[in-house]
Amino acid sequence: MDPEEYVEEVLAVVERIPAGRAMSYGAIADYLADRSGRSSARLVGSIMAKHGGSVPWHRVVAANGRVVPGHEGEALARHVAEATPLRNGRVDLSRAAWWPDER
């Protein structure tokens, strides 16, 4: 999978995350690893920073549930509106984590 295809795959996964649920950067990288040959949470983060504005970016969080730095207010407001489980200002991934069904 070439770099442009990987960007499209990351964005496609993010588009599928249902309201009220979330995935970590690492979970997205892990999900795509077999098909892409890549497994980098940092790369997923870079892709989201550059290309994530057109997808529900707030549903992608750090492994500890921290929302996007610099956009915390908006991200948390979106999570509240979607009834995403939160704990101490972070997404509670023990209750909100989502994994795509196989295609």
C-alpha atoms as a PDB file:
ATOM      1  CA  MET A   1       0.000   0.000   0.000  1.00  0.00           C
ATOM      2  CA  ASP A   2       1.518   3.296  -1.037  1.00  0.00           C
ATOM      3  CA  PRO A   3       1.482   6.377   1.260  1.00  0.00           C
ATOM      4  CA  GLU A   4      -1.558   7.970  -0.416  1.00  0.00           C
ATOM      5  CA  GLU A   5      -3.532   4.750  -0.100  1.00  0.00           C
ATOM      6  CA  TYR A   6      -2.591   4.551   3.576  1.00  0.00           C
ATOM      7  CA  VAL A   7      -3.901   8.075   4.162  1.00  0.00           C
ATOM      8  CA  GLU A   8      -7.184   7.095   2.504  1.00  0.00           C
ATOM      9  CA  GLU A   9      -7.422   3.902   4.582  1.00  0.00           C
ATOM     10  CA  VAL A  10      -6.838   5.789   7.842  1.00  0.00           C
ATOM     11  CA  LEU A  11      -9.519   8.325   6.950  1.00  0.00           C
ATOM     12  CA  ALA A  12     -11.914   5.541   5.903  1.00  0.00           C
ATOM     13  CA  VAL A  13     -11.521   3.851   9.292  1.00  0.00           C
ATOM     14  CA  VAL A  14     -12.139   7.129  11.119  1.00  0.00           C
ATOM     15  CA  GLU A  15     -15.276   7.759   9.058  1.00  0.00           C
ATOM     16  CA  ARG A  16     -16.647   4.413  10.262  1.00  0.00           C
ATOM     17  CA  ILE A  17     -16.232   5.110  14.003  1.00  0.00           C
ATOM     18  CA  PRO A  18     -19.791   5.447  15.316  1.00  0.00           C
ATOM     19  CA  ALA A  19     -20.984   8.402  17.355  1.00  0.00           C
ATOM     20  CA  GLY A  20     -20.279   7.865  21.035  1.00  0.00           C
ATOM     21  CA  ARG A  21     -17.306   5.592  20.346  1.00  0.00           C
ATOM     22  CA  ALA A  22     -13.577   6.164  19.792  1.00  0.00           C
ATOM     23  CA  MET A  23     -10.360   4.571  18.607  1.00  0.00           C
ATOM     24  CA  SER A  24      -6.822   5.368  19.611  1.00  0.00           C
ATOM     25  CA  TYR A  25      -4.172   6.287  17.076  1.00  0.00           C
ATOM     26  CA  GLY A  26      -2.424   3.021  17.881  1.00  0.00           C
ATOM     27  CA  ALA A  27      -5.588   0.960  17.432  1.00  0.00           C
ATOM     28  CA  ILE A  28      -6.053   2.411  13.946  1.00  0.00           C
ATOM     29  CA  ALA A  29      -2.420   1.635  13.109  1.00  0.00           C
ATOM     30  CA  ASP A  30      -2.817  -1.908  14.452  1.00  0.00           C
ATOM     31  CA  TYR A  31      -6.029  -2.464  12.502  1.00  0.00           C
ATOM     32  CA  LEU A  32      -4.347  -1.463   9.238  1.00  0.00           C
ATOM     33  CA  ALA A  33      -0.950  -3.097   9.936  1.00  0.00           C
ATOM     34  CA  ASP A  34      -1.514  -6.405   8.122  1.00  0.00           C
ATOM     35  CA  ARG A  35      -2.703  -4.737   4.921  1.00  0.00           C
ATOM     36  CA  SER A  36      -0.383  -1.749   4.984  1.00  0.00           C
ATOM     37  CA  GLY A  37       2.865  -3.063   6.417  1.00  0.00           C
ATOM     38  CA  ARG A  38       2.856  -0.042   8.751  1.00  0.00           C
ATOM     39  CA  SER A  39       2.052   0.121  12.446  1.00  0.00           C
ATOM     40  CA  SER A  40       2.770   3.605  13.708  1.00  0.00           C
ATOM     41  CA  ALA A  41       0.446   5.549  15.964  1.00  0.00           C
ATOM     42  CA  ARG A  42       2.562   8.638  15.242  1.00  0.00           C
ATOM     43  CA  LEU A  43       1.976   8.268  11.515  1.00  0.00           C
ATOM     44  CA  VAL A  44      -1.769   8.010  12.103  1.00  0.00           C
ATOM     45  CA  GLY A  45      -1.531  11.158  14.243  1.00  0.00           C
ATOM     46  CA  SER A  46       0.328  13.000  11.484  1.00  0.00           C
ATOM     47  CA  ILE A  47      -2.266  11.921   8.943  1.00  0.00           C
ATOM     48  CA  MET A  48      -5.073  13.115  11.195  1.00  0.00           C
ATOM     49  CA  ALA A  49      -3.336  16.459  11.761  1.00  0.00           C
ATOM     50  CA  LYS A  50      -2.915  17.039   8.026  1.00  0.00           C
ATOM     51  CA  HIS A  51      -6.027  15.409   6.558  1.00  0.00           C
ATOM     52  CA  GLY A  52      -8.478  14.725   9.382  1.00  0.00           C
ATOM     53  CA  GLY A  53     -10.656  17.816   9.104  1.00  0.00           C
ATOM     54  CA  SER A  54     -13.186  16.110   6.851  1.00  0.00           C
ATOM     55  CA  VAL A  55     -13.784  13.116   9.140  1.00  0.00           C
ATOM     56  CA  PRO A  56     -14.973  12.853  12.775  1.00  0.00           C
ATOM     57  CA  TRP A  57     -11.465  13.631  14.066  1.00  0.00           C
ATOM     58  CA  HIS A  58     -12.594  13.965  17.671  1.00  0.00           C
ATOM     59  CA  ARG A  59     -13.275  10.205  17.790  1.00  0.00           C
ATOM     60  CA  VAL A  60      -9.542   9.492  17.512  1.00  0.00           C
ATOM     61  CA  VAL A  61      -7.793   9.824  20.857  1.00  0.00           C
ATOM     62  CA  ALA A  62      -4.554   8.924  22.587  1.00  0.00           C
ATOM     63  CA  ALA A  63      -4.270   5.482  24.181  1.00  0.00           C
ATOM     64  CA  ASN A  64      -5.048   7.061  27.561  1.00  0.00           C
ATOM     65  CA  GLY A  65      -8.235   8.699  26.226  1.00  0.00           C
ATOM     66  CA  ARG A  66      -6.779  12.193  25.929  1.00  0.00           C
ATOM     67  CA  VAL A  67      -8.466  14.190  23.179  1.00  0.00           C
ATOM     68  CA  VAL A  68      -6.681  16.137  20.449  1.00  0.00           C
ATOM     69  CA  PRO A  69      -4.275  18.681  21.993  1.00  0.00           C
ATOM     70  CA  GLY A  70      -5.168  22.241  21.115  1.00  0.00           C
ATOM     71  CA  HIS A  71      -8.776  21.299  20.365  1.00  0.00           C
ATOM     72  CA  GLU A  72      -9.790  19.910  23.744  1.00  0.00           C
ATOM     73  CA  GLY A  73     -12.808  22.168  24.207  1.00  0.00           C
ATOM     74  CA  GLU A  74     -14.364  21.387  20.854  1.00  0.00           C
ATOM     75  CA  ALA A  75     -13.519  17.678  21.029  1.00  0.00           C
ATOM     76  CA  LEU A  76     -14.996  17.278  24.514  1.00  0.00           C
ATOM     77  CA  ALA A  77     -18.125  19.205  23.506  1.00  0.00           C
ATOM     78  CA  ARG A  78     -18.593  16.842  20.561  1.00  0.00           C
ATOM     79  CA  HIS A  79     -18.101  13.827  22.815  1.00  0.00           C
ATOM     80  CA  VAL A  80     -20.644  15.150  25.309  1.00  0.00           C
ATOM     81  CA  ALA A  81     -23.138  15.749  22.474  1.00  0.00           C
ATOM     82  CA  GLU A  82     -22.611  12.149  21.289  1.00  0.00           C
ATOM     83  CA  ALA A  83     -22.865  10.729  24.843  1.00  0.00           C
ATOM     84  CA  THR A  84     -19.366   9.252  24.612  1.00  0.00           C
ATOM     85  CA  PRO A  85     -18.335   7.764  27.967  1.00  0.00           C
ATOM     86  CA  LEU A  86     -15.899  10.172  29.616  1.00  0.00           C
ATOM     87  CA  ARG A  87     -13.859  10.030  32.811  1.00  0.00           C
ATOM     88  CA  ASN A  88     -11.872  12.954  34.226  1.00  0.00           C
ATOM     89  CA  GLY A  89     -11.983  14.932  30.973  1.00  0.00           C
ATOM     90  CA  ARG A  90     -10.850  12.004  28.823  1.00  0.00           C
ATOM     91  CA  VAL A  91     -12.628   9.422  26.719  1.00  0.00           C
ATOM     92  CA  ASP A  92     -13.159   6.275  28.789  1.00  0.00           C
ATOM     93  CA  LEU A  93     -11.777   3.761  26.304  1.00  0.00           C
ATOM     94  CA  SER A  94     -12.754   0.875  28.571  1.00  0.00           C
ATOM     95  CA  ARG A  95     -16.362   1.688  27.608  1.00  0.00           C
ATOM     96  CA  ALA A  96     -16.035   3.685  24.374  1.00  0.00           C
ATOM     97  CA  ALA A  97     -13.402   1.762  22.401  1.00  0.00           C
ATOM     98  CA  TRP A  98     -14.538   0.598  18.976  1.00  0.00           C
ATOM     99  CA  TRP A  99     -12.973  -1.894  16.578  1.00  0.00           C
ATOM    100  CA  PRO A 100     -14.140  -2.182  12.947  1.00  0.00           C
ATOM    101  CA  ASP A 101     -15.758  -5.386  11.814  1.00  0.00           C
ATOM    102  CA  GLU A 102     -13.806  -7.170   9.153  1.00  0.00           C
ATOM    103  CA  ARG A 103     -14.701  -6.082   5.652  1.00  0.00           C
END
